[in-house]
């Protein structure tokens, strides 16, 4: 994809590259890093001894993935700002778009050897930014197969990421397996986070209706649970809790990118009142309730919580 000049948003980002080209370059380096992150997991299933800015215990694998991605993404021409769930504040790395990542979503699953992933949002605005400023988002899922979802204004695609090596070269092969993903018309699965006793009564009532209609799919890593919804249709939620009214997931690193992906695939995303992408950004590590999935199910949720 060739670079092109543009003048419509330089006042916002100062970027001289076509934002679409920058997004693709970001996902090039994320895909290249994915096999390295995966290979590093077996020896990094222990706590690092540090907490992240949200006060959560950081695994050694979190640190490794964060350092690797920070170095790679900062080198992309057209990226001006880098922020991570593991870092206190964004870093100025050049001139251009802002990239926010959750380096290893679901790293608590390392000990039990369950799914986890990497979440990426690319914003055409300084962080913290509105979800409406996203120009691309995606995630890598480290499941039985390493796959990568990439969403842009052109739609959502799925790629399989594999290490390609022979006697002379070693590299990464990306194979597009779904060119245009859309949520199925008939939803099948659901997954809700948080302890049931901590759910607000209105959400619990909604959950009881949903569990009588759909199949439970919840694995403890948002990436894996959202991928079930993207594949089969349904709803994923990490709602507001009685002891955490702002929810658990971070707006910049998790909620906005996932909302963007689901909406580009024909679904909906809500904090319970409004579209996630319309939530005003207040700080980099801001938390927000997240509900994403088939539009009819999100409409019912907002009615239930109203």
C-alpha atoms as a PDB file:
ATOM      1  CA  UNK A   1       0.000   0.000   0.000  1.00  0.00           C
ATOM      2  CA  UNK A   2       1.609   3.287  -1.101  1.00  0.00           C
ATOM      3  CA  UNK A   3       1.917   6.377   1.086  1.00  0.00           C
ATOM      4  CA  UNK A   4      -0.185   9.378   0.117  1.00  0.00           C
ATOM      5  CA  UNK A   5      -0.273  12.993   1.228  1.00  0.00           C
ATOM      6  CA  UNK A   6      -3.282  14.338   3.088  1.00  0.00           C
ATOM      7  CA  UNK A   7      -4.163  17.676   4.614  1.00  0.00           C
ATOM      8  CA  UNK A   8      -7.582  17.210   6.187  1.00  0.00           C
ATOM      9  CA  UNK A   9      -6.462  16.251   9.699  1.00  0.00           C
ATOM     10  CA  UNK A  10      -2.909  17.432  10.143  1.00  0.00           C
ATOM     11  CA  UNK A  11      -4.168  19.918  12.671  1.00  0.00           C
ATOM     12  CA  UNK A  12      -5.246  16.924  14.768  1.00  0.00           C
ATOM     13  CA  UNK A  13      -2.253  14.600  14.410  1.00  0.00           C
ATOM     14  CA  UNK A  14       0.376  16.157  12.195  1.00  0.00           C
ATOM     15  CA  UNK A  15       0.656  12.873  10.317  1.00  0.00           C
ATOM     16  CA  UNK A  16       1.864  12.969   6.703  1.00  0.00           C
ATOM     17  CA  UNK A  17       0.960   9.366   5.883  1.00  0.00           C
ATOM     18  CA  UNK A  18      -2.416   8.082   4.827  1.00  0.00           C
ATOM     19  CA  UNK A  19      -3.923   6.833   8.125  1.00  0.00           C
ATOM     20  CA  UNK A  20      -4.989   3.592   6.436  1.00  0.00           C
ATOM     21  CA  UNK A  21      -1.354   2.898   5.568  1.00  0.00           C
ATOM     22  CA  UNK A  22      -0.303   3.627   9.137  1.00  0.00           C
ATOM     23  CA  UNK A  23      -2.950   1.262  10.522  1.00  0.00           C
ATOM     24  CA  UNK A  24      -1.764  -1.519   8.217  1.00  0.00           C
ATOM     25  CA  UNK A  25       1.842  -0.866   9.246  1.00  0.00           C
ATOM     26  CA  UNK A  26       0.882  -1.118  12.912  1.00  0.00           C
ATOM     27  CA  UNK A  27      -0.775  -4.473  12.329  1.00  0.00           C
ATOM     28  CA  UNK A  28       2.206  -5.632  10.292  1.00  0.00           C
ATOM     29  CA  UNK A  29       4.426  -5.238  13.353  1.00  0.00           C
ATOM     30  CA  UNK A  30       1.786  -6.682  15.702  1.00  0.00           C
ATOM     31  CA  UNK A  31       1.536  -9.777  13.508  1.00  0.00           C
ATOM     32  CA  UNK A  32       5.318 -10.099  13.359  1.00  0.00           C
ATOM     33  CA  UNK A  33       5.522  -9.843  17.153  1.00  0.00           C
ATOM     34  CA  UNK A  34       2.734 -12.339  17.848  1.00  0.00           C
ATOM     35  CA  UNK A  35       4.776 -15.544  17.369  1.00  0.00           C
ATOM     36  CA  UNK A  36       7.553 -14.102  19.551  1.00  0.00           C
ATOM     37  CA  UNK A  37       5.075 -13.289  22.310  1.00  0.00           C
ATOM     38  CA  UNK A  38       3.587 -16.753  22.057  1.00  0.00           C
ATOM     39  CA  UNK A  39       6.992 -18.455  22.220  1.00  0.00           C
ATOM     40  CA  UNK A  40       7.882 -16.418  25.309  1.00  0.00           C
ATOM     41  CA  UNK A  41       4.815 -17.434  27.335  1.00  0.00           C
ATOM     42  CA  UNK A  42       5.959 -20.787  28.798  1.00  0.00           C
ATOM     43  CA  UNK A  43       8.799 -19.255  30.812  1.00  0.00           C
ATOM     44  CA  UNK A  44       6.808 -16.223  31.954  1.00  0.00           C
ATOM     45  CA  UNK A  45       3.815 -17.668  33.797  1.00  0.00           C
ATOM     46  CA  UNK A  46       4.818 -16.034  37.083  1.00  0.00           C
ATOM     47  CA  UNK A  47       4.140 -12.669  38.660  1.00  0.00           C
ATOM     48  CA  UNK A  48       6.638  -9.936  37.848  1.00  0.00           C
ATOM     49  CA  UNK A  49       6.533  -8.398  41.327  1.00  0.00           C
ATOM     50  CA  UNK A  50       5.017  -5.148  40.029  1.00  0.00           C
ATOM     51  CA  UNK A  51       1.528  -3.690  39.612  1.00  0.00           C
ATOM     52  CA  UNK A  52       0.194  -1.790  36.608  1.00  0.00           C
ATOM     53  CA  UNK A  53      -1.305   1.739  36.883  1.00  0.00           C
ATOM     54  CA  UNK A  54      -4.712   0.203  37.616  1.00  0.00           C
ATOM     55  CA  UNK A  55      -3.311  -1.621  40.654  1.00  0.00           C
ATOM     56  CA  UNK A  56      -3.417  -5.085  39.103  1.00  0.00           C
ATOM     57  CA  UNK A  57      -0.627  -7.626  39.473  1.00  0.00           C
ATOM     58  CA  UNK A  58       1.511  -7.834  36.342  1.00  0.00           C
ATOM     59  CA  UNK A  59       2.735 -11.173  35.042  1.00  0.00           C
ATOM     60  CA  UNK A  60       6.222 -11.556  33.608  1.00  0.00           C
ATOM     61  CA  UNK A  61       4.576 -12.217  30.237  1.00  0.00           C
ATOM     62  CA  UNK A  62       2.772  -8.843  30.440  1.00  0.00           C
ATOM     63  CA  UNK A  63       6.114  -7.082  30.835  1.00  0.00           C
ATOM     64  CA  UNK A  64       7.694  -8.975  27.952  1.00  0.00           C
ATOM     65  CA  UNK A  65       4.781  -8.327  25.560  1.00  0.00           C
ATOM     66  CA  UNK A  66       4.600  -4.672  26.559  1.00  0.00           C
ATOM     67  CA  UNK A  67       8.316  -4.047  26.014  1.00  0.00           C
ATOM     68  CA  UNK A  68       8.350  -5.863  22.680  1.00  0.00           C
ATOM     69  CA  UNK A  69       5.276  -4.097  21.285  1.00  0.00           C
ATOM     70  CA  UNK A  70       6.358  -0.690  22.575  1.00  0.00           C
ATOM     71  CA  UNK A  71       9.666  -0.994  20.750  1.00  0.00           C
ATOM     72  CA  UNK A  72       8.126  -2.266  17.508  1.00  0.00           C
ATOM     73  CA  UNK A  73       5.162   0.105  17.328  1.00  0.00           C
ATOM     74  CA  UNK A  74       7.257   3.156  18.212  1.00  0.00           C
ATOM     75  CA  UNK A  75       9.351   2.470  15.110  1.00  0.00           C
ATOM     76  CA  UNK A  76       6.375   2.695  12.732  1.00  0.00           C
ATOM     77  CA  UNK A  77       6.468   5.816  10.569  1.00  0.00           C
ATOM     78  CA  UNK A  78       3.271   7.764  11.170  1.00  0.00           C
ATOM     79  CA  UNK A  79       2.851   6.745  14.820  1.00  0.00           C
ATOM     80  CA  UNK A  80       3.289   9.690  17.166  1.00  0.00           C
ATOM     81  CA  UNK A  81       2.059   8.393  20.507  1.00  0.00           C
ATOM     82  CA  UNK A  82       2.147   5.016  22.255  1.00  0.00           C
ATOM     83  CA  UNK A  83       0.147   4.047  25.331  1.00  0.00           C
ATOM     84  CA  UNK A  84      -0.203   0.750  27.131  1.00  0.00           C
ATOM     85  CA  UNK A  85      -2.304  -0.641  29.941  1.00  0.00           C
ATOM     86  CA  UNK A  86       0.996  -1.400  31.668  1.00  0.00           C
ATOM     87  CA  UNK A  87       2.354   2.186  31.515  1.00  0.00           C
ATOM     88  CA  UNK A  88       1.370   5.223  33.548  1.00  0.00           C
ATOM     89  CA  UNK A  89       1.194   7.695  30.670  1.00  0.00           C
ATOM     90  CA  UNK A  90       1.499   7.806  26.870  1.00  0.00           C
ATOM     91  CA  UNK A  91       4.928   8.176  25.304  1.00  0.00           C
ATOM     92  CA  UNK A  92       5.716  10.640  22.534  1.00  0.00           C
ATOM     93  CA  UNK A  93       7.385   8.521  19.849  1.00  0.00           C
ATOM     94  CA  UNK A  94       7.191  10.742  16.794  1.00  0.00           C
ATOM     95  CA  UNK A  95       4.608  12.500  14.680  1.00  0.00           C
ATOM     96  CA  UNK A  96       1.291  10.926  13.782  1.00  0.00           C
ATOM     97  CA  UNK A  97      -1.454   8.647  15.053  1.00  0.00           C
ATOM     98  CA  UNK A  98      -1.811   7.368  18.614  1.00  0.00           C
ATOM     99  CA  UNK A  99      -1.705   3.647  19.409  1.00  0.00           C
ATOM    100  CA  UNK A 100      -3.170   2.227  22.626  1.00  0.00           C
ATOM    101  CA  UNK A 101      -2.644  -1.439  23.492  1.00  0.00           C
ATOM    102  CA  UNK A 102      -3.450  -4.071  26.058  1.00  0.00           C
ATOM    103  CA  UNK A 103      -0.309  -6.156  25.483  1.00  0.00           C
ATOM    104  CA  UNK A 104      -1.652  -9.384  26.989  1.00  0.00           C
ATOM    105  CA  UNK A 105      -5.359  -9.424  27.706  1.00  0.00           C
ATOM    106  CA  UNK A 106      -6.288 -12.318  29.992  1.00  0.00           C
ATOM    107  CA  UNK A 107      -2.758 -12.943  31.277  1.00  0.00           C
ATOM    108  CA  UNK A 108      -4.277 -14.403  34.461  1.00  0.00           C
ATOM    109  CA  UNK A 109      -5.144 -17.359  32.205  1.00  0.00           C
ATOM    110  CA  UNK A 110      -1.458 -18.219  31.843  1.00  0.00           C
ATOM    111  CA  UNK A 111      -1.399 -20.507  34.862  1.00  0.00           C
ATOM    112  CA  UNK A 112      -4.409 -22.470  33.674  1.00  0.00           C
ATOM    113  CA  UNK A 113      -3.226 -22.385  30.029  1.00  0.00           C
ATOM    114  CA  UNK A 114      -6.362 -20.801  28.622  1.00  0.00           C
ATOM    115  CA  UNK A 115      -6.840 -18.241  25.848  1.00  0.00           C
ATOM    116  CA  UNK A 116      -5.420 -14.723  25.938  1.00  0.00           C
ATOM    117  CA  UNK A 117      -4.665 -12.023  23.412  1.00  0.00           C
ATOM    118  CA  UNK A 118      -3.377  -8.583  22.457  1.00  0.00           C
ATOM    119  CA  UNK A 119      -5.764  -5.653  21.857  1.00  0.00           C
ATOM    120  CA  UNK A 120      -4.850  -2.651  19.690  1.00  0.00           C
ATOM    121  CA  UNK A 121      -6.572   0.665  18.992  1.00  0.00           C
ATOM    122  CA  UNK A 122      -5.255   3.275  16.541  1.00  0.00           C
ATOM    123  CA  UNK A 123      -6.579   6.806  17.127  1.00  0.00           C
ATOM    124  CA  UNK A 124      -6.395   9.925  14.979  1.00  0.00           C
ATOM    125  CA  UNK A 125      -6.221  12.152  18.068  1.00  0.00           C
ATOM    126  CA  UNK A 126      -4.052  12.574  21.169  1.00  0.00           C
ATOM    127  CA  UNK A 127      -4.787  10.225  24.063  1.00  0.00           C
ATOM    128  CA  UNK A 128      -7.076   9.973  25.897  1.00  0.00           C
ATOM    129  CA  UNK A 129      -9.262  10.015  22.798  1.00  0.00           C
ATOM    130  CA  UNK A 130     -12.870   9.370  21.888  1.00  0.00           C
ATOM    131  CA  UNK A 131     -13.770   6.078  20.279  1.00  0.00           C
ATOM    132  CA  UNK A 132     -14.985   8.169  17.328  1.00  0.00           C
ATOM    133  CA  UNK A 133     -11.335   9.016  16.679  1.00  0.00           C
ATOM    134  CA  UNK A 134     -10.429   5.391  15.978  1.00  0.00           C
ATOM    135  CA  UNK A 135      -9.226   4.716  12.452  1.00  0.00           C
ATOM    136  CA  UNK A 136      -8.456   1.072  13.105  1.00  0.00           C
ATOM    137  CA  UNK A 137      -8.615  -1.566  15.825  1.00  0.00           C
ATOM    138  CA  UNK A 138      -7.966  -5.232  16.228  1.00  0.00           C
ATOM    139  CA  UNK A 139      -6.716  -8.065  18.367  1.00  0.00           C
ATOM    140  CA  UNK A 140      -4.532 -11.133  18.268  1.00  0.00           C
ATOM    141  CA  UNK A 141      -6.002 -14.281  19.828  1.00  0.00           C
ATOM    142  CA  UNK A 142      -3.496 -16.826  21.158  1.00  0.00           C
ATOM    143  CA  UNK A 143      -5.791 -19.830  21.004  1.00  0.00           C
ATOM    144  CA  UNK A 144      -5.126 -23.265  19.495  1.00  0.00           C
ATOM    145  CA  UNK A 145      -4.464 -21.185  16.368  1.00  0.00           C
ATOM    146  CA  UNK A 146      -2.983 -17.682  16.414  1.00  0.00           C
ATOM    147  CA  UNK A 147      -5.473 -15.426  14.648  1.00  0.00           C
ATOM    148  CA  UNK A 148      -5.667 -11.680  14.152  1.00  0.00           C
ATOM    149  CA  UNK A 149      -8.807  -9.593  13.709  1.00  0.00           C
ATOM    150  CA  UNK A 150      -8.336  -6.239  11.952  1.00  0.00           C
ATOM    151  CA  UNK A 151     -11.112  -3.650  11.683  1.00  0.00           C
ATOM    152  CA  UNK A 152     -11.043  -0.454   9.619  1.00  0.00           C
ATOM    153  CA  UNK A 153     -13.679   1.700   7.958  1.00  0.00           C
ATOM    154  CA  UNK A 154     -13.654  -0.905   5.166  1.00  0.00           C
ATOM    155  CA  UNK A 155     -14.842  -3.707   7.459  1.00  0.00           C
ATOM    156  CA  UNK A 156     -13.479  -6.540   9.577  1.00  0.00           C
ATOM    157  CA  UNK A 157     -11.186  -9.351   8.472  1.00  0.00           C
ATOM    158  CA  UNK A 158      -9.643 -12.399  10.137  1.00  0.00           C
ATOM    159  CA  UNK A 159      -6.124 -13.637   9.458  1.00  0.00           C
ATOM    160  CA  UNK A 160      -4.233 -16.716  10.584  1.00  0.00           C
ATOM    161  CA  UNK A 161      -0.711 -15.818  11.754  1.00  0.00           C
ATOM    162  CA  UNK A 162       1.948 -18.526  11.405  1.00  0.00           C
ATOM    163  CA  UNK A 163       5.710 -18.744  11.627  1.00  0.00           C
ATOM    164  CA  UNK A 164       7.120 -19.583   8.224  1.00  0.00           C
ATOM    165  CA  UNK A 165      10.639 -20.980   8.341  1.00  0.00           C
ATOM    166  CA  UNK A 166      12.945 -22.973   6.131  1.00  0.00           C
ATOM    167  CA  UNK A 167      16.665 -23.560   5.947  1.00  0.00           C
ATOM    168  CA  UNK A 168      17.359 -20.020   4.741  1.00  0.00           C
ATOM    169  CA  UNK A 169      14.689 -17.702   6.124  1.00  0.00           C
ATOM    170  CA  UNK A 170      12.369 -17.293   9.069  1.00  0.00           C
ATOM    171  CA  UNK A 171       9.342 -15.017   8.902  1.00  0.00           C
ATOM    172  CA  UNK A 172       5.636 -14.675   9.580  1.00  0.00           C
ATOM    173  CA  UNK A 173       2.915 -15.700   7.162  1.00  0.00           C
ATOM    174  CA  UNK A 174      -0.519 -14.033   7.372  1.00  0.00           C
ATOM    175  CA  UNK A 175      -3.386 -15.736   5.596  1.00  0.00           C
ATOM    176  CA  UNK A 176      -6.738 -13.980   5.295  1.00  0.00           C
ATOM    177  CA  UNK A 177      -9.415 -16.545   6.129  1.00  0.00           C
ATOM    178  CA  UNK A 178     -12.422 -14.206   6.356  1.00  0.00           C
ATOM    179  CA  UNK A 179     -12.394 -11.075   4.179  1.00  0.00           C
ATOM    180  CA  UNK A 180     -15.556  -9.487   5.543  1.00  0.00           C
ATOM    181  CA  UNK A 181     -16.840 -10.584   8.945  1.00  0.00           C
ATOM    182  CA  UNK A 182     -20.378  -9.758  10.002  1.00  0.00           C
ATOM    183  CA  UNK A 183     -22.161 -10.930  13.134  1.00  0.00           C
ATOM    184  CA  UNK A 184     -24.595 -13.772  12.352  1.00  0.00           C
ATOM    185  CA  UNK A 185     -28.274 -12.861  12.260  1.00  0.00           C
ATOM    186  CA  UNK A 186     -29.171 -15.496  14.841  1.00  0.00           C
ATOM    187  CA  UNK A 187     -27.187 -15.008  18.081  1.00  0.00           C
ATOM    188  CA  UNK A 188     -25.944 -18.130  19.849  1.00  0.00           C
ATOM    189  CA  UNK A 189     -23.603 -17.356  22.776  1.00  0.00           C
ATOM    190  CA  UNK A 190     -23.177 -15.089  25.781  1.00  0.00           C
ATOM    191  CA  UNK A 191     -20.490 -14.383  28.367  1.00  0.00           C
ATOM    192  CA  UNK A 192     -20.769 -12.070  31.378  1.00  0.00           C
ATOM    193  CA  UNK A 193     -17.923 -11.035  33.667  1.00  0.00           C
ATOM    194  CA  UNK A 194     -17.863 -10.103  37.342  1.00  0.00           C
ATOM    195  CA  UNK A 195     -19.205 -11.969  40.370  1.00  0.00           C
ATOM    196  CA  UNK A 196     -22.947 -12.572  40.154  1.00  0.00           C
ATOM    197  CA  UNK A 197     -23.540 -11.236  43.711  1.00  0.00           C
ATOM    198  CA  UNK A 198     -21.933  -7.952  42.577  1.00  0.00           C
ATOM    199  CA  UNK A 199     -24.197  -7.489  39.557  1.00  0.00           C
ATOM    200  CA  UNK A 200     -26.759  -4.682  39.888  1.00  0.00           C
ATOM    201  CA  UNK A 201     -30.347  -6.054  40.036  1.00  0.00           C
ATOM    202  CA  UNK A 202     -31.281  -4.660  36.602  1.00  0.00           C
ATOM    203  CA  UNK A 203     -28.347  -6.382  34.924  1.00  0.00           C
ATOM    204  CA  UNK A 204     -28.989  -9.623  36.779  1.00  0.00           C
ATOM    205  CA  UNK A 205     -32.585  -9.649  35.522  1.00  0.00           C
ATOM    206  CA  UNK A 206     -31.334  -9.138  31.970  1.00  0.00           C
ATOM    207  CA  UNK A 207     -28.747 -11.902  32.430  1.00  0.00           C
ATOM    208  CA  UNK A 208     -31.385 -14.375  33.593  1.00  0.00           C
ATOM    209  CA  UNK A 209     -33.360 -13.766  30.410  1.00  0.00           C
ATOM    210  CA  UNK A 210     -30.309 -14.180  28.201  1.00  0.00           C
ATOM    211  CA  UNK A 211     -29.103 -17.375  29.870  1.00  0.00           C
ATOM    212  CA  UNK A 212     -32.436 -19.021  29.073  1.00  0.00           C
ATOM    213  CA  UNK A 213     -31.971 -18.210  25.380  1.00  0.00           C
ATOM    214  CA  UNK A 214     -28.254 -18.556  24.589  1.00  0.00           C
ATOM    215  CA  UNK A 215     -25.296 -20.817  25.382  1.00  0.00           C
ATOM    216  CA  UNK A 216     -22.733 -19.749  27.979  1.00  0.00           C
ATOM    217  CA  UNK A 217     -19.220 -19.143  26.624  1.00  0.00           C
ATOM    218  CA  UNK A 218     -16.959 -17.452  29.157  1.00  0.00           C
ATOM    219  CA  UNK A 219     -13.249 -18.087  29.484  1.00  0.00           C
ATOM    220  CA  UNK A 220     -11.913 -15.221  31.551  1.00  0.00           C
ATOM    221  CA  UNK A 221     -10.124 -13.372  28.723  1.00  0.00           C
ATOM    222  CA  UNK A 222     -12.138 -10.671  26.992  1.00  0.00           C
ATOM    223  CA  UNK A 223     -10.473 -11.330  23.622  1.00  0.00           C
ATOM    224  CA  UNK A 224     -11.500 -14.978  23.632  1.00  0.00           C
ATOM    225  CA  UNK A 225     -15.039 -14.244  24.807  1.00  0.00           C
ATOM    226  CA  UNK A 226     -15.547 -11.453  22.268  1.00  0.00           C
ATOM    227  CA  UNK A 227     -14.216 -13.705  19.506  1.00  0.00           C
ATOM    228  CA  UNK A 228     -16.965 -16.208  20.355  1.00  0.00           C
ATOM    229  CA  UNK A 229     -19.544 -13.443  19.902  1.00  0.00           C
ATOM    230  CA  UNK A 230     -17.944 -12.267  16.648  1.00  0.00           C
ATOM    231  CA  UNK A 231     -18.029 -15.846  15.341  1.00  0.00           C
ATOM    232  CA  UNK A 232     -21.437 -17.031  16.517  1.00  0.00           C
ATOM    233  CA  UNK A 233     -23.381 -13.887  17.393  1.00  0.00           C
ATOM    234  CA  UNK A 234     -24.559 -13.075  20.888  1.00  0.00           C
ATOM    235  CA  UNK A 235     -23.472 -10.762  23.682  1.00  0.00           C
ATOM    236  CA  UNK A 236     -20.437 -10.197  25.893  1.00  0.00           C
ATOM    237  CA  UNK A 237     -20.538  -7.938  28.916  1.00  0.00           C
ATOM    238  CA  UNK A 238     -18.392  -6.810  31.786  1.00  0.00           C
ATOM    239  CA  UNK A 239     -21.021  -4.671  33.484  1.00  0.00           C
ATOM    240  CA  UNK A 240     -20.950  -2.075  36.191  1.00  0.00           C
ATOM    241  CA  UNK A 241     -20.689  -3.819  39.564  1.00  0.00           C
ATOM    242  CA  UNK A 242     -22.004  -2.850  42.971  1.00  0.00           C
ATOM    243  CA  UNK A 243     -18.427  -2.370  44.216  1.00  0.00           C
ATOM    244  CA  UNK A 244     -17.094  -1.112  40.838  1.00  0.00           C
ATOM    245  CA  UNK A 245     -19.739   1.155  39.282  1.00  0.00           C
ATOM    246  CA  UNK A 246     -17.358   2.162  36.499  1.00  0.00           C
ATOM    247  CA  UNK A 247     -16.777  -1.446  35.511  1.00  0.00           C
ATOM    248  CA  UNK A 248     -13.394  -3.096  35.071  1.00  0.00           C
ATOM    249  CA  UNK A 249     -12.287  -2.666  31.465  1.00  0.00           C
ATOM    250  CA  UNK A 250     -10.250   0.316  30.267  1.00  0.00           C
ATOM    251  CA  UNK A 251     -11.845   2.628  27.714  1.00  0.00           C
ATOM    252  CA  UNK A 252      -8.724   3.431  25.672  1.00  0.00           C
ATOM    253  CA  UNK A 253      -7.093  -0.004  25.584  1.00  0.00           C
ATOM    254  CA  UNK A 254     -10.024  -2.434  25.625  1.00  0.00           C
ATOM    255  CA  UNK A 255     -13.548  -1.009  25.406  1.00  0.00           C
ATOM    256  CA  UNK A 256     -13.123   1.419  22.507  1.00  0.00           C
ATOM    257  CA  UNK A 257     -11.171  -0.987  20.249  1.00  0.00           C
ATOM    258  CA  UNK A 258     -13.538  -3.891  20.908  1.00  0.00           C
ATOM    259  CA  UNK A 259     -16.596  -1.665  20.410  1.00  0.00           C
ATOM    260  CA  UNK A 260     -15.168  -0.442  17.107  1.00  0.00           C
ATOM    261  CA  UNK A 261     -14.578  -3.997  15.889  1.00  0.00           C
ATOM    262  CA  UNK A 262     -18.054  -5.188  16.837  1.00  0.00           C
ATOM    263  CA  UNK A 263     -19.766  -2.158  15.301  1.00  0.00           C
ATOM    264  CA  UNK A 264     -17.791  -2.488  12.066  1.00  0.00           C
ATOM    265  CA  UNK A 265     -19.057  -6.086  11.968  1.00  0.00           C
ATOM    266  CA  UNK A 266     -22.670  -4.918  12.215  1.00  0.00           C
ATOM    267  CA  UNK A 267     -23.157  -5.170  15.968  1.00  0.00           C
ATOM    268  CA  UNK A 268     -23.545  -2.658  18.774  1.00  0.00           C
ATOM    269  CA  UNK A 269     -21.643  -1.557  21.878  1.00  0.00           C
ATOM    270  CA  UNK A 270     -22.876   0.259  24.969  1.00  0.00           C
ATOM    271  CA  UNK A 271     -21.844   1.322  28.454  1.00  0.00           C
ATOM    272  CA  UNK A 272     -25.447   0.658  29.440  1.00  0.00           C
ATOM    273  CA  UNK A 273     -26.671   4.121  28.513  1.00  0.00           C
ATOM    274  CA  UNK A 274     -24.873   5.220  25.357  1.00  0.00           C
ATOM    275  CA  UNK A 275     -22.640   3.926  22.581  1.00  0.00           C
ATOM    276  CA  UNK A 276     -19.188   3.130  23.971  1.00  0.00           C
ATOM    277  CA  UNK A 277     -17.638   5.142  21.151  1.00  0.00           C
ATOM    278  CA  UNK A 278     -19.442   8.247  22.470  1.00  0.00           C
ATOM    279  CA  UNK A 279     -18.162   7.956  26.051  1.00  0.00           C
ATOM    280  CA  UNK A 280     -16.208  11.172  26.805  1.00  0.00           C
ATOM    281  CA  UNK A 281     -12.510  10.395  27.371  1.00  0.00           C
ATOM    282  CA  UNK A 282     -11.310  11.769  30.701  1.00  0.00           C
ATOM    283  CA  UNK A 283      -8.080   9.938  31.468  1.00  0.00           C
ATOM    284  CA  UNK A 284      -5.855   7.299  29.904  1.00  0.00           C
ATOM    285  CA  UNK A 285      -6.687   4.526  32.394  1.00  0.00           C
ATOM    286  CA  UNK A 286     -10.404   5.337  32.623  1.00  0.00           C
ATOM    287  CA  UNK A 287     -12.655   2.349  33.256  1.00  0.00           C
ATOM    288  CA  UNK A 288     -16.084   1.791  31.740  1.00  0.00           C
ATOM    289  CA  UNK A 289     -18.820  -0.889  31.729  1.00  0.00           C
ATOM    290  CA  UNK A 290     -18.765  -2.730  28.393  1.00  0.00           C
ATOM    291  CA  UNK A 291     -21.588  -4.565  26.637  1.00  0.00           C
ATOM    292  CA  UNK A 292     -21.056  -5.634  23.001  1.00  0.00           C
ATOM    293  CA  UNK A 293     -22.737  -7.944  20.555  1.00  0.00           C
ATOM    294  CA  UNK A 294     -25.767  -8.402  18.365  1.00  0.00           C
ATOM    295  CA  UNK A 295     -27.728  -5.163  18.063  1.00  0.00           C
ATOM    296  CA  UNK A 296     -31.037  -6.599  19.261  1.00  0.00           C
ATOM    297  CA  UNK A 297     -29.421  -7.906  22.458  1.00  0.00           C
ATOM    298  CA  UNK A 298     -27.698  -4.592  23.202  1.00  0.00           C
ATOM    299  CA  UNK A 299     -30.980  -2.737  22.611  1.00  0.00           C
ATOM    300  CA  UNK A 300     -32.654  -5.048  25.114  1.00  0.00           C
ATOM    301  CA  UNK A 301     -29.842  -4.445  27.597  1.00  0.00           C
ATOM    302  CA  UNK A 302     -30.182  -0.662  27.411  1.00  0.00           C
ATOM    303  CA  UNK A 303     -33.942  -0.998  27.890  1.00  0.00           C
ATOM    304  CA  UNK A 304     -33.373  -3.240  30.919  1.00  0.00           C
ATOM    305  CA  UNK A 305     -30.876  -0.830  32.503  1.00  0.00           C
ATOM    306  CA  UNK A 306     -32.864   2.338  31.738  1.00  0.00           C
END
